[in-house]
C-alpha atoms as a PDB file:
ATOM      1  CA  UNK A   1      24.948 -25.526  25.582  1.00  0.00           C
ATOM      2  CA  UNK A   2      28.697 -24.879  25.671  1.00  0.00           C
ATOM      3  CA  UNK A   3      31.202 -26.896  27.452  1.00  0.00           C
ATOM      4  CA  UNK A   4      32.968 -25.253  30.517  1.00  0.00           C
ATOM      5  CA  UNK A   5      36.132 -26.136  32.325  1.00  0.00           C
ATOM      6  CA  UNK A   6      37.827 -24.253  35.284  1.00  0.00           C
ATOM      7  CA  UNK A   7      41.463 -24.512  35.669  1.00  0.00           C
ATOM      8  CA  UNK A   8      43.183 -23.075  38.700  1.00  0.00           C
ATOM      9  CA  UNK A   9      46.906 -22.856  38.442  1.00  0.00           C
ATOM     10  CA  UNK A  10      50.059 -20.850  37.990  1.00  0.00           C
ATOM     11  CA  UNK A  11      51.041 -18.888  34.899  1.00  0.00           C
ATOM     12  CA  UNK A  12      53.962 -20.344  33.249  1.00  0.00           C
ATOM     13  CA  UNK A  13      54.697 -17.351  31.045  1.00  0.00           C
ATOM     14  CA  UNK A  14      53.333 -13.811  30.686  1.00  0.00           C
ATOM     15  CA  UNK A  15      49.995 -13.563  28.715  1.00  0.00           C
ATOM     16  CA  UNK A  16      50.601 -12.694  25.081  1.00  0.00           C
ATOM     17  CA  UNK A  17      48.091 -10.479  23.289  1.00  0.00           C
ATOM     18  CA  UNK A  18      47.539 -10.072  19.599  1.00  0.00           C
ATOM     19  CA  UNK A  19      45.284  -7.660  17.780  1.00  0.00           C
ATOM     20  CA  UNK A  20      44.872  -5.250  20.563  1.00  0.00           C
ATOM     21  CA  UNK A  21      43.686  -2.366  18.289  1.00  0.00           C
ATOM     22  CA  UNK A  22      41.801  -4.563  15.823  1.00  0.00           C
ATOM     23  CA  UNK A  23      38.191  -5.636  16.104  1.00  0.00           C
ATOM     24  CA  UNK A  24      39.244  -9.364  17.067  1.00  0.00           C
ATOM     25  CA  UNK A  25      41.708  -9.228  20.064  1.00  0.00           C
ATOM     26  CA  UNK A  26      43.177 -12.703  20.922  1.00  0.00           C
ATOM     27  CA  UNK A  27      45.252 -13.512  24.084  1.00  0.00           C
ATOM     28  CA  UNK A  28      47.058 -16.701  25.006  1.00  0.00           C
ATOM     29  CA  UNK A  29      47.509 -17.993  28.454  1.00  0.00           C
ATOM     30  CA  UNK A  30      49.927 -20.858  29.471  1.00  0.00           C
ATOM     31  CA  UNK A  31      48.885 -22.550  32.846  1.00  0.00           C
ATOM     32  CA  UNK A  32      50.443 -25.298  34.924  1.00  0.00           C
ATOM     33  CA  UNK A  33      47.794 -27.237  37.051  1.00  0.00           C
ATOM     34  CA  UNK A  34      48.767 -29.555  39.865  1.00  0.00           C
ATOM     35  CA  UNK A  35      47.128 -32.982  39.939  1.00  0.00           C
ATOM     36  CA  UNK A  36      45.101 -33.893  42.852  1.00  0.00           C
ATOM     37  CA  UNK A  37      46.795 -37.251  43.223  1.00  0.00           C
ATOM     38  CA  UNK A  38      50.508 -37.983  43.806  1.00  0.00           C
ATOM     39  CA  UNK A  39      52.415 -41.229  43.165  1.00  0.00           C
ATOM     40  CA  UNK A  40      55.151 -42.097  45.753  1.00  0.00           C
ATOM     41  CA  UNK A  41      55.479 -38.505  46.880  1.00  0.00           C
ATOM     42  CA  UNK A  42      56.052 -37.011  43.361  1.00  0.00           C
ATOM     43  CA  UNK A  43      54.107 -33.967  42.475  1.00  0.00           C
ATOM     44  CA  UNK A  44      53.019 -33.816  38.951  1.00  0.00           C
ATOM     45  CA  UNK A  45      51.441 -30.954  36.793  1.00  0.00           C
ATOM     46  CA  UNK A  46      49.635 -30.757  33.663  1.00  0.00           C
ATOM     47  CA  UNK A  47      50.343 -27.851  31.270  1.00  0.00           C
ATOM     48  CA  UNK A  48      47.552 -26.026  29.139  1.00  0.00           C
ATOM     49  CA  UNK A  49      47.752 -23.454  26.628  1.00  0.00           C
ATOM     50  CA  UNK A  50      44.367 -21.430  26.590  1.00  0.00           C
ATOM     51  CA  UNK A  51      43.214 -18.991  23.793  1.00  0.00           C
ATOM     52  CA  UNK A  52      40.961 -16.266  24.720  1.00  0.00           C
ATOM     53  CA  UNK A  53      38.958 -14.156  22.303  1.00  0.00           C
ATOM     54  CA  UNK A  54      37.058 -10.955  22.141  1.00  0.00           C
ATOM     55  CA  UNK A  55      36.270  -8.613  25.004  1.00  0.00           C
ATOM     56  CA  UNK A  56      37.690 -11.362  27.483  1.00  0.00           C
ATOM     57  CA  UNK A  57      40.977 -11.012  25.722  1.00  0.00           C
ATOM     58  CA  UNK A  58      40.850  -7.233  25.665  1.00  0.00           C
ATOM     59  CA  UNK A  59      39.808  -6.585  29.343  1.00  0.00           C
ATOM     60  CA  UNK A  60      39.868  -9.697  31.107  1.00  0.00           C
ATOM     61  CA  UNK A  61      43.488 -10.864  30.568  1.00  0.00           C
ATOM     62  CA  UNK A  62      46.196  -8.661  32.324  1.00  0.00           C
ATOM     63  CA  UNK A  63      49.421  -8.073  30.407  1.00  0.00           C
ATOM     64  CA  UNK A  64      52.518  -6.911  32.071  1.00  0.00           C
ATOM     65  CA  UNK A  65      55.344  -5.022  30.460  1.00  0.00           C
ATOM     66  CA  UNK A  66      58.448  -6.986  29.843  1.00  0.00           C
ATOM     67  CA  UNK A  67      61.012  -6.858  32.743  1.00  0.00           C
ATOM     68  CA  UNK A  68      63.706  -6.170  30.061  1.00  0.00           C
ATOM     69  CA  UNK A  69      62.026  -3.021  28.743  1.00  0.00           C
END
């Protein structure tokens, strides 16, 4: 049995792909997830760095070209 977590949030940075042409592609995604509770009107967020491997990194993670390019 695998542990599973579902995060719904905003990308804080464009996804980064490495090893795109190799047999073991890797993608790194950085997410900001709002908390369900607020203290005295302040909104808080947690930040996560997620690493994706294999076909999910190759086909499931969209990568956009740099805006400067």
